[in-house]
N, C-alpha and C. Protein backbone atom coordinates (compact mmCIF):
# COMPACT_ATOMS: atom_id res chain seq x y z
N UNK A 1 41.36 73.60 102.71
CA UNK A 1 40.40 72.52 102.67
C UNK A 1 39.24 72.80 103.59
N UNK A 2 38.04 72.55 103.13
CA UNK A 2 36.89 72.77 103.98
C UNK A 2 36.58 71.55 104.81
N UNK A 3 35.54 71.67 105.65
CA UNK A 3 35.16 70.56 106.50
C UNK A 3 34.49 69.45 105.71
N UNK A 4 33.91 69.80 104.57
CA UNK A 4 33.23 68.79 103.75
C UNK A 4 34.26 67.97 102.97
N UNK A 5 33.96 66.71 102.79
CA UNK A 5 34.81 65.87 101.96
C UNK A 5 34.67 66.29 100.51
N UNK A 6 35.75 66.16 99.75
CA UNK A 6 35.71 66.48 98.33
C UNK A 6 36.24 65.32 97.52
N UNK A 7 35.47 64.84 96.60
CA UNK A 7 35.92 63.76 95.70
C UNK A 7 36.80 64.35 94.61
N UNK A 8 37.83 63.63 94.21
CA UNK A 8 38.78 64.13 93.23
C UNK A 8 38.63 63.35 91.93
N UNK A 9 38.87 64.02 90.81
CA UNK A 9 38.44 63.44 89.54
C UNK A 9 39.53 63.23 88.50
N UNK A 10 40.78 63.62 88.74
CA UNK A 10 41.81 63.42 87.75
C UNK A 10 42.16 61.94 87.64
N UNK A 11 41.93 61.37 86.47
CA UNK A 11 42.21 59.95 86.25
C UNK A 11 43.07 59.80 84.99
N UNK A 12 44.31 59.41 85.20
CA UNK A 12 45.24 59.23 84.10
C UNK A 12 46.29 58.24 84.56
N UNK A 13 46.78 57.43 83.65
CA UNK A 13 47.74 56.38 83.99
C UNK A 13 49.01 56.93 84.62
N UNK A 14 49.36 58.18 84.31
CA UNK A 14 50.60 58.77 84.82
C UNK A 14 50.35 59.90 85.82
N UNK A 15 49.20 59.86 86.46
CA UNK A 15 48.87 60.82 87.52
C UNK A 15 48.47 60.04 88.76
N UNK A 16 49.04 60.41 89.90
CA UNK A 16 48.70 59.76 91.15
C UNK A 16 47.22 60.01 91.44
N UNK A 17 46.50 58.94 91.71
CA UNK A 17 45.08 59.05 91.97
C UNK A 17 44.83 59.51 93.40
N UNK A 18 44.16 60.64 93.54
CA UNK A 18 43.73 61.14 94.85
C UNK A 18 42.24 60.86 94.97
N UNK A 19 41.88 60.06 95.95
CA UNK A 19 40.49 59.63 96.08
C UNK A 19 39.62 60.66 96.80
N UNK A 20 40.23 61.35 97.76
CA UNK A 20 39.41 62.26 98.55
C UNK A 20 40.31 63.18 99.36
N UNK A 21 39.90 64.44 99.50
CA UNK A 21 40.55 65.36 100.43
C UNK A 21 39.46 65.94 101.31
N UNK A 22 39.82 66.28 102.53
CA UNK A 22 38.83 66.81 103.44
C UNK A 22 39.45 67.18 104.77
N UNK A 23 38.59 67.32 105.77
CA UNK A 23 39.05 67.69 107.10
C UNK A 23 38.31 66.84 108.12
N UNK A 24 39.06 66.32 109.08
CA UNK A 24 38.48 65.46 110.11
C UNK A 24 39.03 65.88 111.46
N UNK A 25 38.13 66.29 112.34
CA UNK A 25 38.51 66.70 113.70
C UNK A 25 39.62 67.74 113.69
N UNK A 26 39.47 68.71 112.79
CA UNK A 26 40.41 69.82 112.74
C UNK A 26 41.69 69.57 111.97
N UNK A 27 41.86 68.38 111.43
CA UNK A 27 43.09 68.06 110.67
C UNK A 27 42.73 67.75 109.23
N UNK A 28 43.49 68.34 108.31
CA UNK A 28 43.27 68.08 106.88
C UNK A 28 43.85 66.72 106.52
N UNK A 29 43.22 66.06 105.58
CA UNK A 29 43.72 64.77 105.13
C UNK A 29 43.55 64.64 103.62
N UNK A 30 44.33 63.72 103.05
CA UNK A 30 44.24 63.40 101.63
C UNK A 30 44.39 61.89 101.49
N UNK A 31 43.43 61.26 100.88
CA UNK A 31 43.48 59.82 100.64
C UNK A 31 43.88 59.59 99.19
N UNK A 32 45.00 58.89 98.97
CA UNK A 32 45.51 58.68 97.62
C UNK A 32 45.96 57.25 97.45
N UNK A 33 46.22 56.86 96.20
CA UNK A 33 46.64 55.49 95.92
C UNK A 33 48.01 55.20 96.51
N UNK A 34 48.24 53.95 96.85
CA UNK A 34 49.54 53.53 97.35
C UNK A 34 50.50 53.37 96.17
N UNK A 35 51.71 53.90 96.32
CA UNK A 35 52.71 53.81 95.26
C UNK A 35 53.93 53.09 95.78
N UNK A 36 54.28 52.01 95.11
CA UNK A 36 55.48 51.25 95.45
C UNK A 36 56.60 51.75 94.56
N UNK A 37 57.24 52.83 94.98
CA UNK A 37 58.26 53.43 94.13
C UNK A 37 59.10 54.44 94.88
N UNK A 38 59.75 55.31 94.12
CA UNK A 38 60.71 56.26 94.68
C UNK A 38 60.60 57.59 93.95
N UNK A 39 60.67 58.71 94.67
CA UNK A 39 60.63 60.03 94.01
C UNK A 39 61.80 60.19 93.05
N UNK A 40 61.56 60.89 91.98
CA UNK A 40 62.58 61.06 90.94
C UNK A 40 63.78 61.85 91.44
N UNK A 41 63.57 62.77 92.37
CA UNK A 41 64.72 63.52 92.88
C UNK A 41 65.68 62.60 93.63
N UNK A 42 65.14 61.57 94.28
CA UNK A 42 65.99 60.59 94.95
C UNK A 42 66.75 59.74 93.93
N UNK A 43 66.08 59.39 92.84
CA UNK A 43 66.72 58.63 91.77
C UNK A 43 67.91 59.42 91.21
N UNK A 44 67.72 60.71 91.00
CA UNK A 44 68.79 61.56 90.46
C UNK A 44 69.91 61.71 91.46
N UNK A 45 69.55 61.96 92.71
CA UNK A 45 70.54 62.19 93.75
C UNK A 45 71.44 60.97 93.96
N UNK A 46 70.86 59.78 93.89
CA UNK A 46 71.62 58.55 94.10
C UNK A 46 72.41 58.13 92.86
N UNK A 47 72.18 58.77 91.74
CA UNK A 47 72.88 58.39 90.52
C UNK A 47 72.51 57.01 90.05
N UNK A 48 71.23 56.66 90.16
CA UNK A 48 70.74 55.34 89.75
C UNK A 48 71.08 55.08 88.28
N UNK A 49 71.64 53.92 87.96
CA UNK A 49 72.05 53.62 86.57
C UNK A 49 70.88 53.34 85.65
N UNK A 50 70.36 54.38 85.04
CA UNK A 50 69.31 54.26 84.03
C UNK A 50 69.88 54.71 82.69
N UNK A 51 69.49 54.04 81.63
CA UNK A 51 69.96 54.45 80.31
C UNK A 51 69.29 55.75 79.90
N UNK A 52 69.84 56.39 78.89
CA UNK A 52 69.24 57.62 78.39
C UNK A 52 67.85 57.34 77.82
N UNK A 53 67.69 56.20 77.20
CA UNK A 53 66.38 55.82 76.67
C UNK A 53 65.35 55.71 77.80
N UNK A 54 65.75 55.13 78.92
CA UNK A 54 64.86 55.03 80.07
C UNK A 54 64.48 56.41 80.60
N UNK A 55 65.45 57.30 80.65
CA UNK A 55 65.20 58.65 81.18
C UNK A 55 64.25 59.42 80.26
N UNK A 56 64.46 59.27 78.97
CA UNK A 56 63.56 59.94 78.02
C UNK A 56 62.14 59.38 78.16
N UNK A 57 62.03 58.08 78.37
CA UNK A 57 60.72 57.47 78.53
C UNK A 57 60.00 58.01 79.77
N UNK A 58 60.73 58.20 80.85
CA UNK A 58 60.15 58.76 82.07
C UNK A 58 59.59 60.15 81.82
N UNK A 59 60.38 60.99 81.16
CA UNK A 59 59.94 62.35 80.87
C UNK A 59 58.73 62.35 79.94
N UNK A 60 58.72 61.43 78.98
CA UNK A 60 57.58 61.33 78.06
C UNK A 60 56.29 61.02 78.82
N UNK A 61 56.39 60.15 79.81
CA UNK A 61 55.21 59.82 80.61
C UNK A 61 54.71 61.03 81.38
N UNK A 62 55.63 61.79 81.95
CA UNK A 62 55.23 62.99 82.69
C UNK A 62 54.63 64.02 81.74
N UNK A 63 55.20 64.12 80.55
CA UNK A 63 54.67 65.04 79.54
C UNK A 63 53.24 64.67 79.16
N UNK A 64 52.97 63.38 79.01
CA UNK A 64 51.61 62.92 78.70
C UNK A 64 50.64 63.30 79.82
N UNK A 65 51.10 63.15 81.06
CA UNK A 65 50.25 63.51 82.20
C UNK A 65 49.94 65.00 82.20
N UNK A 66 50.95 65.81 81.94
CA UNK A 66 50.75 67.26 81.92
C UNK A 66 49.84 67.69 80.77
N UNK A 67 49.95 67.03 79.62
CA UNK A 67 49.06 67.35 78.51
C UNK A 67 47.61 67.11 78.92
N UNK A 68 47.38 66.02 79.62
CA UNK A 68 46.04 65.70 80.12
C UNK A 68 45.54 66.80 81.07
N UNK A 69 46.42 67.23 81.97
CA UNK A 69 46.08 68.29 82.92
C UNK A 69 45.74 69.58 82.19
N UNK A 70 46.57 69.94 81.23
CA UNK A 70 46.36 71.18 80.49
C UNK A 70 45.08 71.12 79.65
N UNK A 71 44.77 69.95 79.14
CA UNK A 71 43.53 69.79 78.37
C UNK A 71 42.30 70.04 79.24
N UNK A 72 42.47 69.97 80.55
CA UNK A 72 41.38 70.25 81.48
C UNK A 72 41.51 71.66 82.08
N UNK A 73 42.25 72.52 81.35
CA UNK A 73 42.37 73.94 81.73
C UNK A 73 42.94 74.15 83.12
N UNK A 74 43.95 73.36 83.45
CA UNK A 74 44.62 73.48 84.74
C UNK A 74 46.12 73.58 84.51
N UNK A 75 46.78 74.42 85.28
CA UNK A 75 48.24 74.46 85.28
C UNK A 75 48.73 73.94 86.62
N UNK A 76 49.87 73.29 86.60
CA UNK A 76 50.40 72.61 87.78
C UNK A 76 51.19 73.57 88.66
N UNK A 77 52.21 74.22 88.09
CA UNK A 77 53.09 75.19 88.75
C UNK A 77 53.98 74.59 89.82
N UNK A 78 54.01 73.27 89.93
CA UNK A 78 54.87 72.59 90.91
C UNK A 78 55.57 71.39 90.27
N UNK A 79 55.82 71.46 88.96
CA UNK A 79 56.48 70.36 88.27
C UNK A 79 57.96 70.35 88.65
N UNK A 80 58.40 69.26 89.24
CA UNK A 80 59.81 69.09 89.60
C UNK A 80 60.03 67.62 89.92
N UNK A 81 61.29 67.15 89.97
CA UNK A 81 61.56 65.73 90.20
C UNK A 81 60.92 65.17 91.46
N UNK A 82 60.84 65.96 92.51
CA UNK A 82 60.24 65.49 93.75
C UNK A 82 58.76 65.23 93.65
N UNK A 83 58.13 65.70 92.59
CA UNK A 83 56.70 65.48 92.38
C UNK A 83 56.43 64.43 91.31
N UNK A 84 57.43 63.60 91.05
CA UNK A 84 57.27 62.46 90.14
C UNK A 84 57.72 61.21 90.88
N UNK A 85 56.87 60.19 90.89
CA UNK A 85 57.21 58.92 91.52
C UNK A 85 57.49 57.89 90.43
N UNK A 86 58.62 57.20 90.53
CA UNK A 86 58.97 56.14 89.59
C UNK A 86 58.71 54.80 90.27
N UNK A 87 57.79 54.03 89.73
CA UNK A 87 57.42 52.75 90.34
C UNK A 87 58.37 51.64 89.91
N UNK A 88 58.23 50.49 90.56
CA UNK A 88 59.09 49.34 90.25
C UNK A 88 58.97 48.88 88.81
N UNK A 89 57.79 49.04 88.22
CA UNK A 89 57.59 48.58 86.84
C UNK A 89 57.93 49.63 85.80
N UNK A 90 58.56 50.75 86.24
CA UNK A 90 59.00 51.76 85.29
C UNK A 90 57.98 52.82 84.96
N UNK A 91 56.84 52.81 85.64
CA UNK A 91 55.81 53.81 85.36
C UNK A 91 56.08 55.07 86.18
N UNK A 92 56.03 56.23 85.50
CA UNK A 92 56.19 57.52 86.18
C UNK A 92 54.82 58.09 86.48
N UNK A 93 54.66 58.61 87.71
CA UNK A 93 53.39 59.19 88.11
C UNK A 93 53.61 60.58 88.68
N UNK A 94 52.87 61.52 88.13
CA UNK A 94 52.94 62.91 88.57
C UNK A 94 52.05 63.09 89.80
N UNK A 95 52.59 63.74 90.83
CA UNK A 95 51.80 64.02 92.02
C UNK A 95 51.54 65.51 92.14
N UNK A 96 50.67 65.87 93.05
CA UNK A 96 50.37 67.27 93.29
C UNK A 96 49.00 67.69 92.83
N UNK A 97 48.34 66.88 92.01
CA UNK A 97 47.01 67.23 91.54
C UNK A 97 46.02 67.22 92.69
N UNK A 98 44.97 68.07 92.55
CA UNK A 98 43.93 68.21 93.55
C UNK A 98 44.46 68.81 94.84
N UNK A 99 45.64 69.45 94.77
CA UNK A 99 46.15 70.16 95.93
C UNK A 99 45.78 71.63 95.81
N UNK A 100 45.95 72.41 96.87
CA UNK A 100 45.61 73.84 96.80
C UNK A 100 46.46 74.62 95.80
N UNK A 101 47.57 74.03 95.32
CA UNK A 101 48.44 74.74 94.39
C UNK A 101 47.87 74.81 92.98
N UNK A 102 46.85 73.98 92.70
CA UNK A 102 46.32 73.93 91.35
C UNK A 102 45.32 75.04 91.11
N UNK A 103 45.50 75.76 90.02
CA UNK A 103 44.63 76.86 89.67
C UNK A 103 44.19 76.74 88.22
N UNK A 104 42.93 77.08 87.92
CA UNK A 104 42.52 77.16 86.52
C UNK A 104 43.38 78.16 85.77
N UNK A 105 43.57 77.94 84.48
CA UNK A 105 44.46 78.80 83.71
C UNK A 105 44.06 80.26 83.76
N UNK A 106 42.75 80.54 83.73
CA UNK A 106 42.35 81.93 83.69
C UNK A 106 42.65 82.66 84.99
N UNK A 107 42.97 81.90 86.06
CA UNK A 107 43.34 82.53 87.32
C UNK A 107 44.80 82.26 87.65
N UNK A 108 45.59 81.91 86.64
CA UNK A 108 46.97 81.52 86.88
C UNK A 108 47.90 82.69 87.10
N UNK A 109 47.84 83.30 88.28
CA UNK A 109 48.73 84.39 88.64
C UNK A 109 49.85 83.82 89.50
N UNK A 110 51.07 84.20 89.21
CA UNK A 110 52.21 83.65 89.93
C UNK A 110 52.13 84.03 91.41
N UNK A 111 52.41 83.06 92.26
CA UNK A 111 52.43 83.26 93.70
C UNK A 111 53.81 82.89 94.20
N UNK A 112 54.49 83.73 94.94
CA UNK A 112 55.86 83.44 95.35
C UNK A 112 56.00 82.20 96.22
N UNK A 113 54.92 81.73 96.82
CA UNK A 113 55.04 80.55 97.68
C UNK A 113 54.85 79.26 96.88
N UNK A 114 54.44 79.38 95.64
CA UNK A 114 54.18 78.19 94.83
C UNK A 114 55.47 77.70 94.18
N UNK A 115 55.74 76.41 94.37
CA UNK A 115 56.90 75.83 93.72
C UNK A 115 58.20 76.22 94.40
N UNK A 116 59.27 75.83 93.78
CA UNK A 116 60.61 76.18 94.25
C UNK A 116 61.30 76.96 93.15
N UNK A 117 62.10 77.92 93.55
CA UNK A 117 62.72 78.82 92.59
C UNK A 117 63.48 78.06 91.50
N UNK A 118 64.16 76.99 91.86
CA UNK A 118 65.00 76.27 90.90
C UNK A 118 64.21 75.65 89.76
N UNK A 119 62.89 75.53 89.91
CA UNK A 119 62.07 74.90 88.87
C UNK A 119 61.01 75.85 88.33
N UNK A 120 61.17 77.13 88.58
CA UNK A 120 60.18 78.11 88.12
C UNK A 120 60.56 78.69 86.76
N UNK A 121 59.55 78.98 85.96
CA UNK A 121 59.75 79.65 84.67
C UNK A 121 60.03 81.13 84.91
N UNK A 122 60.70 81.80 83.97
CA UNK A 122 60.99 83.24 84.14
C UNK A 122 59.74 84.05 84.43
N UNK A 123 58.64 83.78 83.73
CA UNK A 123 57.43 84.57 83.94
C UNK A 123 56.83 84.32 85.32
N UNK A 124 57.07 83.13 85.86
CA UNK A 124 56.60 82.83 87.21
C UNK A 124 57.40 83.62 88.24
N UNK A 125 58.71 83.71 88.02
CA UNK A 125 59.57 84.48 88.92
C UNK A 125 59.27 85.97 88.83
N UNK A 126 58.82 86.42 87.67
CA UNK A 126 58.52 87.83 87.46
C UNK A 126 57.11 88.22 87.89
N UNK A 127 56.32 87.25 88.36
CA UNK A 127 54.98 87.56 88.83
C UNK A 127 53.99 87.86 87.72
N UNK A 128 54.23 87.31 86.53
CA UNK A 128 53.32 87.55 85.41
C UNK A 128 52.21 86.51 85.38
N UNK A 129 51.21 86.76 84.54
CA UNK A 129 50.16 85.77 84.36
C UNK A 129 50.78 84.50 83.76
N UNK A 130 50.25 83.37 84.20
CA UNK A 130 50.84 82.10 83.81
C UNK A 130 49.89 81.26 82.97
N UNK A 131 50.49 80.42 82.13
CA UNK A 131 49.70 79.44 81.39
C UNK A 131 50.51 78.15 81.34
N UNK A 132 50.09 77.22 80.50
CA UNK A 132 50.72 75.91 80.44
C UNK A 132 52.20 75.95 80.10
N UNK A 133 52.65 77.02 79.47
CA UNK A 133 54.05 77.10 79.08
C UNK A 133 54.99 77.23 80.28
N UNK A 134 54.47 77.69 81.41
CA UNK A 134 55.27 77.70 82.65
C UNK A 134 55.57 76.27 83.08
N UNK A 135 54.58 75.39 82.97
CA UNK A 135 54.79 73.98 83.29
C UNK A 135 55.78 73.35 82.33
N UNK A 136 55.75 73.75 81.07
CA UNK A 136 56.66 73.19 80.07
C UNK A 136 58.11 73.56 80.39
N UNK A 137 58.33 74.79 80.85
CA UNK A 137 59.67 75.19 81.28
C UNK A 137 60.13 74.31 82.44
N UNK A 138 59.26 74.12 83.42
CA UNK A 138 59.60 73.28 84.58
C UNK A 138 59.84 71.84 84.17
N UNK A 139 59.07 71.35 83.19
CA UNK A 139 59.29 70.00 82.68
C UNK A 139 60.64 69.91 81.98
N UNK A 140 61.02 70.96 81.26
CA UNK A 140 62.33 71.00 80.62
C UNK A 140 63.45 70.95 81.64
N UNK A 141 63.28 71.66 82.76
CA UNK A 141 64.27 71.62 83.84
C UNK A 141 64.37 70.22 84.43
N UNK A 142 63.22 69.59 84.63
CA UNK A 142 63.19 68.24 85.18
C UNK A 142 63.87 67.26 84.22
N UNK A 143 63.59 67.40 82.93
CA UNK A 143 64.20 66.55 81.91
C UNK A 143 65.72 66.73 81.90
N UNK A 144 66.16 67.97 81.93
CA UNK A 144 67.60 68.26 81.91
C UNK A 144 68.28 67.62 83.12
N UNK A 145 67.70 67.80 84.29
CA UNK A 145 68.31 67.29 85.51
C UNK A 145 68.35 65.76 85.51
N UNK A 146 67.30 65.13 84.99
CA UNK A 146 67.27 63.67 84.94
C UNK A 146 68.32 63.14 83.96
N UNK A 147 68.47 63.81 82.83
CA UNK A 147 69.42 63.36 81.80
C UNK A 147 70.86 63.68 82.18
N UNK A 148 71.09 64.89 82.69
CA UNK A 148 72.46 65.35 82.94
C UNK A 148 72.93 65.10 84.36
N UNK A 149 72.01 64.88 85.28
CA UNK A 149 72.39 64.67 86.68
C UNK A 149 72.63 65.94 87.44
N UNK A 150 72.31 67.07 86.85
CA UNK A 150 72.48 68.37 87.52
C UNK A 150 71.57 69.39 86.84
N UNK A 151 71.41 70.52 87.49
CA UNK A 151 70.55 71.56 86.95
C UNK A 151 71.28 72.39 85.90
N UNK A 152 70.56 72.93 84.92
CA UNK A 152 71.21 73.82 83.95
C UNK A 152 71.46 75.21 84.52
N UNK A 153 70.91 75.48 85.70
CA UNK A 153 71.06 76.79 86.34
C UNK A 153 71.48 76.59 87.79
N UNK A 154 72.71 76.23 88.00
CA UNK A 154 73.19 75.95 89.35
C UNK A 154 73.64 77.21 90.05
N UNK A 155 73.51 77.21 91.38
CA UNK A 155 73.96 78.33 92.18
C UNK A 155 73.95 77.96 93.64
N UNK A 156 74.79 78.63 94.43
CA UNK A 156 74.87 78.33 95.86
C UNK A 156 73.70 78.93 96.64
N UNK A 157 73.12 80.00 96.10
CA UNK A 157 72.01 80.67 96.77
C UNK A 157 70.82 80.78 95.83
N UNK A 158 69.64 80.89 96.42
CA UNK A 158 68.43 81.00 95.61
C UNK A 158 68.50 82.20 94.67
N UNK A 159 69.07 83.29 95.15
CA UNK A 159 69.14 84.50 94.32
C UNK A 159 70.05 84.27 93.11
N UNK A 160 71.09 83.45 93.27
CA UNK A 160 71.98 83.15 92.15
C UNK A 160 71.25 82.33 91.09
N UNK A 161 70.47 81.35 91.55
CA UNK A 161 69.69 80.53 90.63
C UNK A 161 68.66 81.38 89.91
N UNK A 162 68.00 82.25 90.66
CA UNK A 162 66.99 83.15 90.08
C UNK A 162 67.60 83.99 88.96
N UNK A 163 68.76 84.58 89.20
CA UNK A 163 69.41 85.42 88.20
C UNK A 163 69.76 84.63 86.94
N UNK A 164 70.19 83.38 87.12
CA UNK A 164 70.55 82.56 85.96
C UNK A 164 69.32 82.18 85.15
N UNK A 165 68.23 81.84 85.84
CA UNK A 165 67.01 81.48 85.12
C UNK A 165 66.52 82.68 84.31
N UNK A 166 66.62 83.86 84.90
CA UNK A 166 66.11 85.06 84.24
C UNK A 166 67.03 85.59 83.15
N UNK A 167 68.35 85.42 83.33
CA UNK A 167 69.25 86.13 82.44
C UNK A 167 70.34 85.35 81.74
N UNK A 168 70.51 84.05 82.05
CA UNK A 168 71.60 83.30 81.44
C UNK A 168 71.06 82.10 80.66
N UNK A 169 71.72 81.72 79.58
CA UNK A 169 71.29 80.52 78.85
C UNK A 169 71.60 79.27 79.67
N UNK A 170 70.85 78.20 79.49
CA UNK A 170 71.15 76.96 80.21
C UNK A 170 72.48 76.37 79.77
N UNK A 171 73.11 75.66 80.66
CA UNK A 171 74.37 74.99 80.33
C UNK A 171 74.11 73.98 79.20
N UNK A 172 74.95 73.97 78.14
CA UNK A 172 74.76 73.01 77.05
C UNK A 172 74.76 71.57 77.55
N UNK A 173 74.02 70.72 76.88
CA UNK A 173 73.90 69.32 77.28
C UNK A 173 75.17 68.55 76.97
N UNK A 174 75.74 67.95 78.00
CA UNK A 174 76.93 67.12 77.81
C UNK A 174 76.56 65.82 77.10
N UNK A 175 75.39 65.25 77.45
CA UNK A 175 74.95 64.01 76.81
C UNK A 175 74.74 64.21 75.31
N UNK A 176 74.13 65.33 74.95
CA UNK A 176 73.88 65.59 73.53
C UNK A 176 75.19 65.68 72.76
N UNK A 177 76.20 66.28 73.39
CA UNK A 177 77.50 66.41 72.74
C UNK A 177 78.20 65.06 72.65
N UNK A 178 78.22 64.31 73.75
CA UNK A 178 78.91 63.02 73.77
C UNK A 178 78.30 62.02 72.80
N UNK A 179 76.97 62.02 72.70
CA UNK A 179 76.27 61.02 71.88
C UNK A 179 75.90 61.54 70.51
N UNK A 180 76.33 62.76 70.19
CA UNK A 180 76.03 63.37 68.89
C UNK A 180 74.52 63.36 68.64
N UNK A 181 73.79 63.93 69.60
CA UNK A 181 72.33 63.98 69.55
C UNK A 181 71.85 65.44 69.50
N UNK A 182 71.90 66.07 68.34
CA UNK A 182 71.40 67.44 68.26
C UNK A 182 69.92 67.52 68.58
N UNK A 183 69.19 66.41 68.39
CA UNK A 183 67.76 66.40 68.72
C UNK A 183 67.54 66.63 70.22
N UNK A 184 68.43 66.09 71.04
CA UNK A 184 68.31 66.27 72.48
C UNK A 184 68.61 67.72 72.87
N UNK A 185 69.63 68.30 72.27
CA UNK A 185 69.95 69.71 72.55
C UNK A 185 68.79 70.61 72.14
N UNK A 186 68.13 70.28 71.05
CA UNK A 186 66.98 71.05 70.61
C UNK A 186 65.86 71.02 71.64
N UNK A 187 65.63 69.86 72.23
CA UNK A 187 64.61 69.76 73.27
C UNK A 187 64.89 70.72 74.41
N UNK A 188 66.13 70.72 74.88
CA UNK A 188 66.49 71.60 75.99
C UNK A 188 66.41 73.07 75.59
N UNK A 189 66.92 73.39 74.41
CA UNK A 189 66.91 74.79 73.96
C UNK A 189 65.49 75.33 73.87
N UNK A 190 64.59 74.53 73.33
CA UNK A 190 63.22 75.01 73.13
C UNK A 190 62.41 74.99 74.41
N UNK A 191 62.56 73.95 75.21
CA UNK A 191 61.79 73.86 76.46
C UNK A 191 62.21 74.94 77.44
N UNK A 192 63.49 75.34 77.40
CA UNK A 192 64.02 76.29 78.37
C UNK A 192 64.20 77.69 77.79
N UNK A 193 63.50 77.98 76.72
CA UNK A 193 63.56 79.33 76.15
C UNK A 193 63.03 80.34 77.16
N UNK A 194 63.71 81.48 77.29
CA UNK A 194 63.28 82.50 78.25
C UNK A 194 61.92 83.06 77.88
N UNK A 195 61.72 83.33 76.60
CA UNK A 195 60.45 83.87 76.13
C UNK A 195 59.49 82.73 75.85
N UNK A 196 58.32 82.76 76.46
CA UNK A 196 57.42 81.61 76.32
C UNK A 196 56.88 81.42 74.91
N UNK A 197 56.87 82.48 74.11
CA UNK A 197 56.43 82.33 72.73
C UNK A 197 57.42 81.50 71.91
N UNK A 198 58.69 81.45 72.37
CA UNK A 198 59.72 80.67 71.69
C UNK A 198 59.79 79.24 72.24
N UNK A 199 59.04 78.96 73.27
CA UNK A 199 59.04 77.67 73.94
C UNK A 199 58.07 76.71 73.23
N UNK A 200 58.08 75.45 73.61
CA UNK A 200 57.02 74.54 73.17
C UNK A 200 55.69 75.12 73.61
N UNK A 201 54.71 75.05 72.74
CA UNK A 201 53.41 75.61 73.06
C UNK A 201 52.47 74.59 73.69
N UNK A 202 52.88 73.33 73.68
CA UNK A 202 52.09 72.28 74.32
C UNK A 202 53.01 71.13 74.68
N UNK A 203 52.57 70.31 75.63
CA UNK A 203 53.35 69.13 75.99
C UNK A 203 53.33 68.10 74.87
N UNK A 204 52.28 68.12 74.06
CA UNK A 204 52.24 67.21 72.90
C UNK A 204 53.38 67.53 71.94
N UNK A 205 53.64 68.80 71.74
CA UNK A 205 54.75 69.23 70.88
C UNK A 205 56.08 68.81 71.52
N UNK A 206 56.19 68.99 72.81
CA UNK A 206 57.38 68.57 73.56
C UNK A 206 57.61 67.07 73.36
N UNK A 207 56.54 66.29 73.51
CA UNK A 207 56.64 64.83 73.39
C UNK A 207 57.07 64.40 71.99
N UNK A 208 56.62 65.12 70.97
CA UNK A 208 57.02 64.75 69.61
C UNK A 208 58.53 64.86 69.42
N UNK A 209 59.12 65.88 69.99
CA UNK A 209 60.57 66.00 69.89
C UNK A 209 61.28 64.95 70.73
N UNK A 210 60.70 64.58 71.88
CA UNK A 210 61.27 63.49 72.66
C UNK A 210 61.23 62.19 71.86
N UNK A 211 60.17 62.01 71.09
CA UNK A 211 60.07 60.81 70.25
C UNK A 211 61.19 60.75 69.22
N UNK A 212 61.59 61.90 68.73
CA UNK A 212 62.70 61.93 67.76
C UNK A 212 64.00 61.51 68.43
N UNK A 213 64.19 61.93 69.68
CA UNK A 213 65.37 61.48 70.43
C UNK A 213 65.30 59.98 70.64
N UNK A 214 64.12 59.48 71.00
CA UNK A 214 63.94 58.05 71.24
C UNK A 214 64.24 57.25 69.98
N UNK A 215 63.79 57.75 68.85
CA UNK A 215 64.04 57.04 67.59
C UNK A 215 65.52 56.89 67.32
N UNK A 216 66.28 57.93 67.63
CA UNK A 216 67.73 57.86 67.45
C UNK A 216 68.35 56.83 68.40
N UNK A 217 67.85 56.80 69.63
CA UNK A 217 68.41 55.90 70.63
C UNK A 217 68.05 54.44 70.36
N UNK A 218 66.91 54.22 69.76
CA UNK A 218 66.44 52.86 69.55
C UNK A 218 67.18 52.13 68.43
N UNK A 219 68.04 52.83 67.71
CA UNK A 219 68.85 52.14 66.71
C UNK A 219 70.04 51.47 67.38
N UNK A 220 70.23 51.74 68.70
CA UNK A 220 71.30 51.08 69.45
C UNK A 220 70.94 49.61 69.63
N UNK A 221 71.91 48.79 70.06
CA UNK A 221 71.64 47.36 70.25
C UNK A 221 70.39 47.14 71.10
N UNK A 222 69.60 46.16 70.69
CA UNK A 222 68.34 45.89 71.38
C UNK A 222 68.55 45.49 72.83
N UNK A 223 69.73 45.02 73.15
CA UNK A 223 70.01 44.63 74.53
C UNK A 223 69.87 45.78 75.49
N UNK A 224 70.18 47.00 75.02
CA UNK A 224 70.06 48.16 75.88
C UNK A 224 68.59 48.42 76.20
N UNK A 225 67.74 48.21 75.22
CA UNK A 225 66.32 48.43 75.45
C UNK A 225 65.76 47.42 76.44
N UNK A 226 66.23 46.17 76.36
CA UNK A 226 65.69 45.13 77.23
C UNK A 226 66.08 45.31 78.68
N UNK A 227 67.06 46.19 78.95
CA UNK A 227 67.49 46.40 80.34
C UNK A 227 66.63 47.43 81.07
N UNK A 228 65.59 47.92 80.43
CA UNK A 228 64.74 48.98 81.01
C UNK A 228 64.22 48.59 82.40
N UNK A 229 63.47 47.50 82.50
CA UNK A 229 62.90 47.11 83.79
C UNK A 229 63.99 46.68 84.77
N UNK A 230 65.05 46.06 84.27
CA UNK A 230 66.13 45.64 85.15
C UNK A 230 66.75 46.84 85.82
N UNK A 231 66.93 47.93 85.05
CA UNK A 231 67.51 49.14 85.61
C UNK A 231 66.64 49.76 86.68
N UNK A 232 65.33 49.78 86.42
CA UNK A 232 64.41 50.36 87.39
C UNK A 232 64.38 49.51 88.66
N UNK A 233 64.36 48.19 88.50
CA UNK A 233 64.28 47.31 89.68
C UNK A 233 65.52 47.43 90.56
N UNK A 234 66.67 47.83 89.96
CA UNK A 234 67.86 48.01 90.78
C UNK A 234 67.68 49.13 91.78
N UNK A 235 66.72 50.01 91.53
CA UNK A 235 66.44 51.09 92.50
C UNK A 235 66.07 50.53 93.86
N UNK A 236 65.46 49.36 93.87
CA UNK A 236 64.86 48.85 95.09
C UNK A 236 65.62 47.68 95.69
N UNK A 237 66.80 47.40 95.13
CA UNK A 237 67.62 46.29 95.66
C UNK A 237 68.75 46.83 96.53
């Protein structure tokens, strides 16, 4: 960050608004909107009782935010549950925009300090040029963890996780099997494909498949749908 103030311009309903970044008396600062909510990694860790429909809705919101980012020729490279805030009213907001981690796509070279290994795409771990499909892989990991309550590539050490991301298929979805939702398994299989050409090519495409999962879930009793806000509010009680 330089000494001059910089105004920030990303405006989207599912992106945390950063009003200004700059430096004052030798210290960097960032002024952003106040969020009355909780990071998604905390929601997962606590095992907060959210329905599958609620979880899919959260991921859909993040996907919409990422599509907006990608439409502005930017890749995030830091998509993970800790960078999503879930508010009391059920709105998911992606954070990290306007930070030094953001790079235009044409300069998207993998940097080992960017992100965390557990949420990196194979090409990011291999130091290859990156594009929006790296974010889609990370979004798939976030979706899997939110739905299943654990990572598809677990390991005791970073090197173990790295090896699994690079060389092993993700653990099959238990929810998809229990609920007979092949549409959900398809989302995970495609989002977490090792080869990016086999992956979703846009977040809009990702969202369309999430919509198919939602359509299947919405045939359940309407009472489950009406518990959406009640479930989220339990986070704060």
